[in-house]
Protein backbone atom coordinates (compact mmCIF):
# COMPACT_ATOMS: atom_id res chain seq x y z
CA MET A 1 -19.27 -16.27 -2.87
CA SER A 2 -15.97 -16.45 -1.01
CA THR A 3 -14.71 -19.80 0.24
CA LEU A 4 -12.82 -18.08 3.07
CA THR A 5 -14.11 -18.44 6.62
CA THR A 6 -15.01 -15.48 8.79
CA ASN A 7 -11.83 -15.91 10.83
CA GLU A 8 -9.75 -15.98 7.67
CA LEU A 9 -11.43 -12.85 6.33
CA ILE A 10 -11.03 -10.77 9.48
CA ASN A 11 -7.32 -11.55 9.55
CA LEU A 12 -6.76 -10.19 6.05
CA SER A 13 -5.57 -6.63 5.45
CA ALA A 14 -7.77 -3.96 3.90
CA CYS A 15 -5.72 -4.20 0.70
CA GLN A 16 -6.28 -7.96 0.53
CA ILE A 17 -10.03 -7.52 1.04
CA ILE A 18 -10.13 -4.88 -1.70
CA ASP A 19 -8.35 -7.30 -4.04
CA LEU A 20 -11.10 -9.84 -3.36
CA LEU A 21 -13.75 -7.22 -4.13
CA LYS A 22 -12.00 -6.13 -7.33
CA THR A 23 -11.84 -9.70 -8.61
CA HIS A 24 -15.42 -10.49 -7.55
CA GLN A 25 -14.31 -13.24 -5.16
CA ILE A 26 -16.45 -11.64 -2.45
CA THR A 27 -19.32 -9.18 -2.36
CA PRO A 28 -19.94 -6.11 -0.21
CA ILE A 29 -23.00 -7.82 1.30
CA GLU A 30 -20.89 -10.77 2.42
CA LEU A 31 -18.44 -8.39 4.07
CA ILE A 32 -21.23 -6.47 5.80
CA ASN A 33 -22.44 -9.81 7.21
CA VAL A 34 -18.92 -10.58 8.47
CA VAL A 35 -18.64 -7.17 10.13
CA GLU A 36 -22.07 -7.44 11.75
CA ASN A 37 -21.35 -10.87 13.18
CA ARG A 38 -17.93 -9.81 14.45
CA ILE A 39 -19.27 -6.68 16.14
CA HIS A 40 -22.01 -8.72 17.81
CA GLU A 41 -19.37 -11.18 19.05
CA THR A 42 -16.94 -8.63 20.43
CA ASP A 43 -18.54 -5.28 21.17
CA ASN A 44 -20.12 -6.34 24.43
CA LEU A 45 -16.52 -6.66 25.68
CA ILE A 46 -14.79 -3.58 24.23
CA ASN A 47 -17.66 -1.16 23.54
CA ALA A 48 -16.03 0.25 20.40
CA THR A 49 -18.91 0.56 17.92
CA PRO A 50 -22.12 1.66 19.65
CA ILE A 51 -23.74 3.07 16.49
CA GLN A 52 -24.36 0.40 13.88
CA CYS A 53 -25.65 1.08 10.36
CA PHE A 54 -26.10 -2.38 8.85
CA HIS A 55 -29.63 -1.87 7.52
CA ASN A 56 -28.73 1.32 5.68
CA ALA A 57 -25.44 -0.20 4.50
CA ARG A 58 -27.26 -3.12 2.87
CA LYS A 59 -29.82 -0.72 1.43
CA ARG A 60 -27.06 1.30 -0.23
CA VAL A 61 -25.65 -1.87 -1.79
CA GLU A 62 -29.07 -2.98 -3.04
CA GLU A 63 -29.79 0.45 -4.53
CA ARG A 64 -26.86 -0.02 -6.90
CA ASN A 65 -28.64 -2.99 -8.57
CA GLY A 66 -25.43 -4.86 -9.26
CA GLU A 67 -23.52 -1.79 -10.44
CA PRO A 68 -19.92 -2.11 -9.21
CA PHE A 69 -18.62 0.24 -6.56
CA PRO A 70 -15.97 2.71 -7.72
CA PRO A 71 -12.28 2.42 -6.85
CA PRO A 72 -10.22 2.68 -4.75
CA LEU A 73 -12.45 1.09 -2.07
CA TYR A 74 -14.73 -1.09 -4.28
CA GLY A 75 -17.44 -1.59 -1.64
CA LEU A 76 -15.22 -2.01 1.43
CA PRO A 77 -17.11 -1.65 4.75
CA ILE A 78 -15.72 1.19 6.87
CA LEU A 79 -16.27 2.37 10.43
CA VAL A 80 -16.19 6.12 11.06
CA LYS A 81 -15.44 8.00 14.23
CA ASP A 82 -18.51 9.61 15.81
CA VAL A 83 -17.39 13.12 14.94
CA HIS A 84 -18.43 12.61 11.30
CA CYS A 85 -21.97 13.18 10.03
CA VAL A 86 -23.41 10.14 8.24
CA LYS A 87 -26.76 10.75 6.58
CA GLY A 88 -29.63 9.10 8.43
CA GLU A 89 -27.49 7.97 11.37
CA LEU A 90 -26.94 9.17 14.93
CA ASP A 91 -24.51 12.06 15.28
CA THR A 92 -23.85 12.27 19.01
CA ARG A 93 -20.15 13.20 19.34
CA GLY A 94 -20.42 11.64 22.80
CA PHE A 95 -22.44 14.62 24.06
CA LEU A 96 -25.52 13.66 26.09
CA PRO A 97 -27.83 16.41 24.72
CA TYR A 98 -27.06 15.05 21.22
CA LYS A 99 -27.94 11.43 22.06
CA ASP A 100 -30.94 11.35 19.68
CA ARG A 101 -29.59 13.69 17.00
CA ILE A 102 -29.73 12.38 13.43
CA ALA A 103 -27.55 13.81 10.66
CA ASP A 104 -29.45 14.78 7.51
CA GLU A 105 -26.41 14.71 5.24
CA ASN A 106 -22.93 13.24 4.97
CA ASP A 107 -20.16 15.60 5.92
CA ASP A 108 -17.53 16.24 3.27
CA PHE A 109 -15.08 13.67 4.65
CA VAL A 110 -17.68 10.89 4.72
CA GLN A 111 -18.87 11.83 1.24
CA CYS A 112 -15.31 11.42 -0.03
CA LEU A 113 -15.28 7.88 1.38
CA VAL A 114 -18.64 7.11 -0.22
CA ASN A 115 -17.52 8.55 -3.55
CA ALA A 116 -14.45 6.31 -3.37
CA GLY A 117 -16.64 3.21 -2.99
CA GLY A 118 -16.68 2.84 0.79
CA ILE A 119 -19.73 1.61 2.70
CA ILE A 120 -20.29 3.08 6.16
CA VAL A 121 -21.36 0.28 8.51
CA GLY A 122 -21.01 1.92 11.92
CA LYS A 123 -19.71 4.77 14.04
CA THR A 124 -17.09 4.35 16.73
CA ASN A 125 -17.07 5.66 20.27
CA VAL A 126 -15.38 8.92 21.29
CA PRO A 127 -14.88 11.06 24.37
CA GLU A 128 -17.23 14.04 24.46
CA PHE A 129 -16.52 16.14 21.36
CA ALA A 130 -13.36 14.04 20.89
CA ALA A 131 -11.70 16.03 23.69
CA GLY A 132 -9.60 13.63 25.71
CA SER A 133 -6.95 10.94 25.57
CA HIS A 134 -9.34 8.24 26.86
CA THR A 135 -12.60 7.18 25.21
CA PHE A 136 -15.65 7.47 27.47
CA ASN A 137 -18.84 9.53 27.51
CA SER A 138 -22.21 9.78 29.24
CA ILE A 139 -24.12 8.11 26.39
CA TYR A 140 -22.17 4.96 25.59
CA GLY A 141 -19.70 4.55 28.44
CA THR A 142 -16.05 3.49 28.22
CA THR A 143 -14.19 1.78 25.39
CA LYS A 144 -11.62 -0.82 26.46
CA SER A 145 -8.45 -1.93 24.75
CA ALA A 146 -8.95 -5.00 22.59
CA LEU A 147 -5.55 -6.21 23.81
CA ASP A 148 -6.38 -6.02 27.50
CA LEU A 149 -9.92 -5.46 28.74
CA ARG A 150 -8.59 -4.14 32.05
CA VAL A 151 -7.23 -0.95 30.48
CA SER A 152 -8.28 2.03 28.40
CA ALA A 153 -8.38 2.05 24.61
CA GLY A 154 -6.91 5.55 24.65
CA GLY A 155 -8.41 8.41 22.73
CA SER A 156 -9.87 10.22 21.20
CA SER A 157 -10.01 7.68 18.36
CA GLY A 158 -10.15 4.83 20.87
CA GLY A 159 -13.32 3.34 19.43
CA SER A 160 -11.81 3.06 15.96
CA ALA A 161 -8.54 1.60 17.24
CA ALA A 162 -10.24 -0.98 19.47
CA ALA A 163 -12.61 -1.96 16.65
CA LEU A 164 -9.71 -2.61 14.29
CA ALA A 165 -7.79 -4.57 16.91
CA ALA A 166 -10.86 -6.74 17.56
CA GLY A 167 -11.28 -7.50 13.85
CA GLN A 168 -14.57 -5.63 13.57
CA CYS A 169 -13.56 -4.01 10.30
CA TRP A 170 -10.57 -3.49 8.00
CA LEU A 171 -10.49 0.31 8.00
CA ALA A 172 -11.75 2.88 10.49
CA THR A 173 -11.39 6.63 10.50
CA GLY A 174 -9.88 8.81 13.17
CA SER A 175 -8.63 12.32 13.76
CA ASP A 176 -5.56 13.65 15.52
CA LEU A 177 -4.62 17.05 16.88
CA GLY A 178 -2.64 16.10 19.98
CA GLY A 179 -2.29 12.34 19.72
CA SER A 180 -5.86 11.21 19.10
CA LEU A 181 -4.76 8.63 16.53
CA ARG A 182 -1.31 7.88 17.85
CA ILE A 183 -2.28 7.18 21.46
CA PRO A 184 -5.09 4.65 20.78
CA SER A 185 -3.08 2.93 18.05
CA CYS A 186 -0.36 2.26 20.63
CA PHE A 187 -2.89 1.11 23.22
CA ASN A 188 -4.47 -1.37 20.76
CA GLY A 189 -1.57 -2.54 18.61
CA VAL A 190 -2.79 -1.09 15.30
CA VAL A 191 -1.56 1.57 12.89
CA GLY A 192 -2.89 5.09 13.39
CA PHE A 193 -1.83 7.15 10.39
CA ARG A 194 -1.79 10.90 10.99
CA THR A 195 -1.50 12.72 7.69
CA SER A 196 0.14 16.09 7.19
CA PRO A 197 -2.24 19.03 7.84
CA GLY A 198 -4.35 19.80 4.78
CA ARG A 199 -4.07 16.35 3.21
CA VAL A 200 -7.49 15.17 4.44
CA ILE A 201 -10.61 17.23 3.82
CA LYS A 202 -12.19 18.69 6.94
CA ASP A 203 -14.77 21.13 5.52
CA GLY A 204 -18.23 20.27 6.77
CA TRP A 205 -17.08 18.92 10.14
CA LYS A 206 -18.09 22.12 11.89
CA GLU A 207 -21.79 22.07 11.16
CA ASN A 208 -24.60 20.19 9.50
CA HIS A 209 -28.09 21.16 8.33
CA GLN A 210 -29.30 21.33 11.93
CA ASN A 211 -27.04 24.37 12.49
CA VAL A 212 -25.21 22.81 15.39
CA SER A 213 -22.66 25.00 17.14
CA ASN A 214 -19.08 24.56 15.95
CA ASP A 215 -16.58 22.23 17.57
CA SER A 216 -12.82 22.24 17.21
CA THR A 217 -12.20 18.64 16.19
CA PRO A 218 -9.65 18.62 13.33
């Protein structure tokens, strides 16, 4: 068990947390507890992570029966933008008719994270179908900047950026076609890394087993 306090842990970088996991100074369950507590402390203010997956996250850890998580993530909790399908979790994409839709499989991008040892602990807010430079929708409302609650978190990855800025997690996913990572990272004082086209897998984003109509999110 780690001797670090919650405040000390949330101020570490993702790389530092992974080092603690690699050297068995902390466990994935401990980190899930930290994330859950931090989201409960902060999300009523910023509204960044409306979909929370703590029960299933702990279940996935327990199913491994002590078997270590694979590198490079080693059991690191991760938040994913609500344009990714996560098996057994809500898949709304901020679209009111999808408010009760449950994904029955991980999309390819999420599966890559899982295969790399990541644990999905929640899904972050988006504008409807991730179309917009501010994060609000008819299901979950508006996400605010963690730096200034009077202003927007930006978009479309505003939920992920605000969550990181509030210390809710150490890594969160995003997507960017016209600034959807870069805008919210500026609005929240975090790093939004837009890779070159083709570097990150996107197959499987367009549909899931429910045969949902395609969307154009990259």
